[in-house]
Amino acid sequence: MLSRVADSLYWMSRYMERSDGILRMLKTNYAYSQDDGTDFSWRAVLTIFSESSEEQINRISQNNREVLKYLITDKSNRNSVINIVSNARENARAVQDNVTKELWQCLNDYYHLIRSNDLENAIQYDDPISVIDELIKQGLYYYGTTEITLARDGGYYFINLGKFLERAMQSVDTLDVKLRELDYCLDASEDPSYWKYLLLSISGYEIFLKSYRSALEPKNVIDQIIWNHSFPRSILYSVTRLKQSFETIKTDKSAESYKTVSFMIGKLHAQIKYTNMADLERIGFKKYLQSTKEALGDIGNALNHYYFAFK
């Protein structure tokens, strides 16, 4: 497969995964803001999903509608959903012969929906949850269309590389920012809703109730987000699928490129799989999450260097 094709499919997938993560976080936090009243702040969400200055975060962090507009429809924010979906569509358009007509149509429909003037008005004056649900649904059409219509060839596995690398990064970022709010002290919040909404923001609350059948103990929440192999947004699950996808790509396995990237992914997978809560407490939550994030970033850089360096 040409490197430019692999690059476009990979980034199309990363952008779509990022848009889904932003929207789910926005939906959950908007609901949380209605429960928490005047004490609620969007600081954590803005820190994870934007490059806003401290001044801008302070200015809008307690204004629900302004934050939603900034993160969904503001074209000046390069990490807004409208820009992310536009970038995904552009990457798909560049390799239209390598995606199915159904997938292209799905992305095109999403693009026109997110650019509609009615959408911004609805965010400002109507029920934001309904707006976000409609956008999430459009993203689910993309996921379903990808799974149902694409051939299981190199392109499909480059799409999975982008999806699971981005998902792992989001889970690390989300957990890191929420723990940072508590100064990495699990006893700093005795409010169960804090941990409930953390799980809801990554679609993990129902799975938590089935897996742990216990109160919302912080250590169990962290265990699910990092190590639960049945939770599709856990860091371990995402890195495992990243590893499987890379190993499935048809390539010369004796080449330096394959050996280097395979070693990096395998090393990170082993570090996550063979640590536990006791190791995490000994290492420190902050150090562990930051080192994991750096390793994921290094993998992304290595993929760019060895597989996408065509520019």
Protein backbone atom coordinates (compact mmCIF):
# COMPACT_ATOMS: atom_id res chain seq x y z
CA MET A 1 0.00 0.00 0.00
CA LEU A 2 1.24 3.48 -0.87
CA SER A 3 2.37 5.44 2.19
CA ARG A 4 0.12 8.41 1.32
CA VAL A 5 -2.91 6.10 1.23
CA ALA A 6 -2.00 4.48 4.55
CA ASP A 7 -1.43 7.94 6.04
CA SER A 8 -4.84 9.25 4.94
CA LEU A 9 -6.71 6.20 6.22
CA TYR A 10 -4.83 6.30 9.52
CA TRP A 11 -5.60 9.98 10.09
CA MET A 12 -9.20 9.68 8.92
CA SER A 13 -9.63 7.08 11.65
CA ARG A 14 -7.81 9.07 14.33
CA TYR A 15 -9.92 12.13 13.61
CA MET A 16 -13.18 10.18 13.78
CA GLU A 17 -12.17 8.53 17.05
CA ARG A 18 -11.26 11.92 18.46
CA SER A 19 -14.59 13.45 17.47
CA ASP A 20 -16.44 10.57 19.13
CA GLY A 21 -14.43 10.98 22.33
CA ILE A 22 -15.07 14.73 22.46
CA LEU A 23 -18.81 14.34 21.94
CA ARG A 24 -19.21 11.65 24.60
CA MET A 25 -17.24 13.76 27.06
CA LEU A 26 -19.36 16.81 26.27
CA LYS A 27 -22.62 14.93 26.72
CA THR A 28 -21.61 13.51 30.08
CA ASN A 29 -20.18 16.74 31.41
CA TYR A 30 -23.19 18.76 30.34
CA ALA A 31 -25.39 16.36 32.33
CA TYR A 32 -22.95 16.62 35.27
CA SER A 33 -23.12 20.42 35.10
CA GLN A 34 -26.88 20.28 35.58
CA ASP A 35 -26.42 18.21 38.76
CA ASP A 36 -23.46 20.13 40.13
CA GLY A 37 -24.92 23.59 39.70
CA THR A 38 -22.67 26.64 39.98
CA ASP A 39 -19.64 24.66 41.20
CA PHE A 40 -19.16 22.83 37.90
CA SER A 41 -16.19 23.74 35.69
CA TRP A 42 -15.33 22.65 32.14
CA ARG A 43 -11.61 23.11 32.85
CA ALA A 44 -10.78 19.40 32.59
CA VAL A 45 -12.57 19.00 29.24
CA LEU A 46 -10.96 22.12 27.79
CA THR A 47 -7.54 20.91 28.97
CA ILE A 48 -7.95 17.51 27.29
CA PHE A 49 -9.60 18.54 24.04
CA SER A 50 -8.33 22.00 23.20
CA GLU A 51 -5.20 24.11 23.11
CA SER A 52 -6.86 27.00 24.92
CA SER A 53 -4.82 29.44 26.91
CA GLU A 54 -5.29 29.67 30.66
CA GLU A 55 -7.01 33.01 30.15
CA GLN A 56 -9.51 31.57 27.69
CA ILE A 57 -10.22 28.56 29.90
CA ASN A 58 -10.92 30.87 32.84
CA ARG A 59 -13.20 33.02 30.69
CA ILE A 60 -15.52 30.26 29.43
CA SER A 61 -15.02 27.33 31.84
CA GLN A 62 -18.33 27.91 33.63
CA ASN A 63 -20.40 28.86 30.58
CA ASN A 64 -22.00 25.66 29.27
CA ARG A 65 -23.22 26.97 25.93
CA GLU A 66 -19.98 28.81 25.15
CA VAL A 67 -17.91 25.69 25.81
CA LEU A 68 -20.19 23.55 23.62
CA LYS A 69 -20.01 26.05 20.76
CA TYR A 70 -16.23 26.34 21.13
CA LEU A 71 -15.65 22.58 21.08
CA ILE A 72 -18.25 21.67 18.46
CA THR A 73 -18.75 24.44 15.88
CA ASP A 74 -16.00 27.04 16.40
CA LYS A 75 -13.82 26.99 13.26
CA SER A 76 -11.12 29.03 15.01
CA ASN A 77 -10.53 26.08 17.38
CA ARG A 78 -8.59 23.59 15.30
CA ASN A 79 -9.62 20.77 17.64
CA SER A 80 -13.35 21.49 17.40
CA VAL A 81 -15.60 18.74 16.10
CA ILE A 82 -16.37 20.70 12.92
CA ASN A 83 -12.67 20.92 12.06
CA ILE A 84 -11.93 17.34 13.05
CA VAL A 85 -14.76 15.93 10.92
CA SER A 86 -13.70 18.18 8.03
CA ASN A 87 -10.15 16.80 8.31
CA ALA A 88 -11.47 13.23 8.38
CA ARG A 89 -13.52 13.88 5.24
CA GLU A 90 -10.55 15.47 3.46
CA ASN A 91 -8.39 12.44 4.22
CA ALA A 92 -11.12 10.12 2.93
CA ARG A 93 -11.55 12.26 -0.20
CA ALA A 94 -7.81 12.03 -0.91
CA VAL A 95 -8.07 8.22 -1.08
CA GLN A 96 -11.65 7.83 -2.24
CA ASP A 97 -10.74 4.81 -4.37
CA ASN A 98 -9.60 3.01 -1.22
CA VAL A 99 -12.82 3.40 0.78
CA THR A 100 -16.28 2.14 -0.07
CA LYS A 101 -18.99 4.39 -1.50
CA GLU A 102 -21.00 3.80 1.67
CA LEU A 103 -18.17 4.98 3.90
CA TRP A 104 -17.56 8.08 1.79
CA GLN A 105 -21.27 8.91 1.83
CA CYS A 106 -21.38 8.46 5.61
CA LEU A 107 -18.50 10.89 6.14
CA ASN A 108 -19.96 13.32 3.62
CA ASP A 109 -23.32 13.32 5.43
CA TYR A 110 -21.57 13.94 8.75
CA TYR A 111 -19.60 16.81 7.21
CA HIS A 112 -22.73 18.56 5.94
CA LEU A 113 -24.57 17.99 9.23
CA ILE A 114 -21.80 19.51 11.34
CA ARG A 115 -21.56 22.54 9.02
CA SER A 116 -25.27 23.30 9.15
CA ASN A 117 -26.21 26.72 10.50
CA ASP A 118 -29.15 25.10 12.25
CA LEU A 119 -26.74 23.09 14.39
CA GLU A 120 -25.11 26.11 16.01
CA ASN A 121 -28.52 27.67 16.66
CA ALA A 122 -29.69 24.43 18.26
CA ILE A 123 -26.65 24.37 20.56
CA GLN A 124 -27.36 27.94 21.61
CA TYR A 125 -31.13 27.76 22.10
CA ASP A 126 -32.35 24.14 22.16
CA ASP A 127 -31.50 21.06 24.21
CA PRO A 128 -27.73 20.45 23.72
CA ILE A 129 -28.04 16.76 24.62
CA SER A 130 -30.28 16.15 21.61
CA VAL A 131 -27.77 17.89 19.34
CA ILE A 132 -24.84 15.90 20.70
CA ASP A 133 -26.80 12.63 20.48
CA GLU A 134 -27.44 13.29 16.78
CA LEU A 135 -23.73 13.85 16.16
CA ILE A 136 -22.76 10.74 18.13
CA LYS A 137 -25.27 8.75 16.09
CA GLN A 138 -23.66 9.97 12.88
CA GLY A 139 -20.30 8.79 14.21
CA LEU A 140 -21.79 5.38 14.98
CA TYR A 141 -22.93 5.14 11.35
CA TYR A 142 -19.29 5.63 10.40
CA TYR A 143 -18.10 2.86 12.73
CA GLY A 144 -20.76 0.44 11.54
CA THR A 145 -20.15 1.23 7.88
CA THR A 146 -16.42 0.74 8.32
CA GLU A 147 -16.87 -2.67 9.93
CA ILE A 148 -19.48 -3.90 7.48
CA THR A 149 -18.20 -2.64 4.12
CA LEU A 150 -14.38 -2.54 4.19
CA ALA A 151 -12.21 -5.44 3.03
CA ARG A 152 -9.87 -6.84 5.68
CA ASP A 153 -6.74 -5.70 3.91
CA GLY A 154 -3.91 -3.33 4.77
CA GLY A 155 -6.14 -0.27 4.63
CA TYR A 156 -8.52 -1.68 7.22
CA TYR A 157 -5.67 -2.38 9.64
CA PHE A 158 -4.16 1.08 9.19
CA ILE A 159 -7.60 2.42 10.09
CA ASN A 160 -7.50 0.29 13.24
CA LEU A 161 -4.02 1.56 14.08
CA GLY A 162 -5.34 5.10 14.06
CA LYS A 163 -8.48 4.24 16.00
CA PHE A 164 -6.85 2.34 18.84
CA LEU A 165 -3.84 4.62 19.19
CA GLU A 166 -6.15 7.63 19.48
CA ARG A 167 -8.47 5.81 21.89
CA ALA A 168 -5.62 4.80 24.18
CA MET A 169 -4.35 8.38 24.24
CA GLN A 170 -7.79 9.71 25.12
CA SER A 171 -8.23 7.24 27.98
CA VAL A 172 -4.80 8.14 29.38
CA ASP A 173 -5.51 11.87 29.05
CA THR A 174 -8.95 11.60 30.63
CA LEU A 175 -7.73 9.63 33.63
CA ASP A 176 -4.66 11.84 34.06
CA VAL A 177 -6.64 15.10 34.03
CA LYS A 178 -9.29 13.81 36.44
CA LEU A 179 -6.64 12.52 38.87
CA ARG A 180 -4.72 15.77 38.52
CA GLU A 181 -7.81 17.59 39.80
CA LEU A 182 -7.42 15.49 42.97
CA ASP A 183 -3.65 16.04 43.08
CA TYR A 184 -3.34 12.30 42.32
CA CYS A 185 -4.81 11.44 45.73
CA LEU A 186 -7.65 8.93 45.49
CA ASP A 187 -9.05 9.95 48.87
CA ALA A 188 -9.43 13.59 47.82
CA SER A 189 -12.95 13.02 46.48
CA GLU A 190 -15.51 11.09 48.49
CA ASP A 191 -18.29 12.01 46.06
CA PRO A 192 -19.32 8.85 44.13
CA SER A 193 -20.75 10.99 41.33
CA TYR A 194 -17.20 12.20 40.54
CA TRP A 195 -16.17 8.66 39.63
CA LYS A 196 -19.53 7.84 38.04
CA TYR A 197 -19.27 10.73 35.60
CA LEU A 198 -15.67 9.85 34.84
CA LEU A 199 -16.83 6.40 33.73
CA LEU A 200 -19.82 7.81 31.86
CA SER A 201 -17.54 10.16 29.93
CA ILE A 202 -15.78 7.15 28.38
CA SER A 203 -18.91 4.96 28.13
CA GLY A 204 -17.73 2.68 30.93
CA TYR A 205 -20.35 2.97 33.68
CA GLU A 206 -22.59 0.04 32.67
CA ILE A 207 -19.61 -2.25 32.17
CA PHE A 208 -18.29 -1.20 35.59
CA LEU A 209 -21.54 -2.23 37.29
CA LYS A 210 -21.40 -5.63 35.60
CA SER A 211 -17.69 -6.21 36.17
CA TYR A 212 -17.19 -5.07 39.75
CA ARG A 213 -20.63 -5.20 41.38
CA SER A 214 -19.37 -2.89 44.10
CA ALA A 215 -19.49 0.71 45.16
CA LEU A 216 -17.66 3.25 43.04
CA GLU A 217 -14.30 2.70 44.70
CA PRO A 218 -11.59 4.79 43.01
CA LYS A 219 -9.20 1.84 42.69
CA ASN A 220 -11.84 -0.19 40.86
CA VAL A 221 -12.52 2.71 38.51
CA ILE A 222 -8.81 3.00 37.72
CA ASP A 223 -8.55 -0.77 37.31
CA GLN A 224 -11.29 -0.69 34.68
CA ILE A 225 -9.83 2.22 32.74
CA ILE A 226 -6.32 0.75 32.64
CA TRP A 227 -6.58 -3.06 32.77
CA ASN A 228 -10.11 -4.32 32.10
CA HIS A 229 -9.63 -6.44 28.96
CA SER A 230 -13.42 -6.56 28.40
CA PHE A 231 -13.80 -2.77 28.34
CA PRO A 232 -13.26 -1.51 24.76
CA ARG A 233 -11.93 1.85 25.94
CA SER A 234 -9.48 0.56 28.52
CA ILE A 235 -5.84 1.35 27.88
CA LEU A 236 -4.88 -2.34 27.86
CA TYR A 237 -7.67 -3.27 25.44
CA SER A 238 -6.73 -0.43 23.08
CA VAL A 239 -3.01 -1.23 23.10
CA THR A 240 -3.75 -4.95 22.62
CA ARG A 241 -5.83 -4.16 19.53
CA LEU A 242 -3.15 -1.75 18.35
CA LYS A 243 -0.60 -4.56 18.62
CA GLN A 244 -2.83 -7.04 16.79
CA SER A 245 -3.57 -4.57 13.99
CA PHE A 246 0.09 -3.75 13.44
CA GLU A 247 1.07 -7.42 13.33
CA THR A 248 -1.63 -8.08 10.73
CA ILE A 249 -0.35 -5.49 8.25
CA LYS A 250 1.38 -7.21 5.37
CA THR A 251 4.97 -6.07 5.53
CA ASP A 252 8.52 -7.37 5.53
CA LYS A 253 8.89 -8.49 9.13
CA SER A 254 12.66 -8.51 8.82
CA ALA A 255 12.74 -4.82 7.95
CA GLU A 256 13.98 -2.22 10.42
CA SER A 257 10.64 -0.41 10.29
CA TYR A 258 8.63 -3.44 11.38
CA LYS A 259 11.10 -4.48 14.08
CA THR A 260 11.31 -0.99 15.58
CA VAL A 261 7.58 -0.27 15.74
CA SER A 262 6.71 -3.82 16.78
CA PHE A 263 9.20 -3.61 19.67
CA MET A 264 7.80 -0.27 20.83
CA ILE A 265 4.20 -1.50 20.80
CA GLY A 266 5.13 -4.83 22.40
CA LYS A 267 7.12 -3.14 25.15
CA LEU A 268 4.25 -0.80 26.03
CA HIS A 269 1.76 -3.67 25.93
CA ALA A 270 3.88 -5.70 28.33
CA GLN A 271 4.40 -2.75 30.68
CA ILE A 272 0.64 -2.22 30.93
CA LYS A 273 -0.35 -5.89 31.06
CA TYR A 274 2.17 -6.88 33.72
CA THR A 275 1.62 -4.05 36.18
CA ASN A 276 -1.06 -3.86 38.85
CA MET A 277 -2.42 -1.38 41.36
CA ALA A 278 0.46 -1.99 43.79
CA ASP A 279 2.97 -1.17 41.04
CA LEU A 280 0.98 1.92 40.13
CA GLU A 281 1.01 3.20 43.71
CA ARG A 282 4.73 2.52 44.00
CA ILE A 283 5.56 4.27 40.70
CA GLY A 284 3.02 7.06 41.22
CA PHE A 285 -0.12 7.70 39.20
CA LYS A 286 1.29 10.84 37.61
CA LYS A 287 4.56 9.28 36.49
CA TYR A 288 2.88 6.11 35.22
CA LEU A 289 0.28 7.93 33.12
CA GLN A 290 2.77 10.44 31.74
CA SER A 291 5.20 7.69 30.72
CA THR A 292 2.35 5.77 29.05
CA LYS A 293 1.29 8.88 27.16
CA GLU A 294 4.88 9.51 26.03
CA ALA A 295 5.18 5.90 24.82
CA LEU A 296 1.97 6.24 22.79
CA GLY A 297 3.26 9.49 21.31
CA ASP A 298 6.56 7.81 20.40
CA ILE A 299 4.66 5.01 18.64
CA GLY A 300 2.70 7.59 16.65
CA ASN A 301 5.95 9.35 15.69
CA ALA A 302 7.55 6.05 14.66
CA LEU A 303 4.58 5.15 12.46
CA ASN A 304 4.86 8.55 10.81
CA HIS A 305 8.62 8.14 10.28
CA TYR A 306 8.63 4.59 8.94
CA TYR A 307 5.26 4.29 7.20
CA PHE A 308 3.95 7.76 6.33
CA ALA A 309 7.10 9.78 5.59
CA PHE A 310 6.22 10.51 1.98
CA LYS A 311 6.03 14.32 2.10
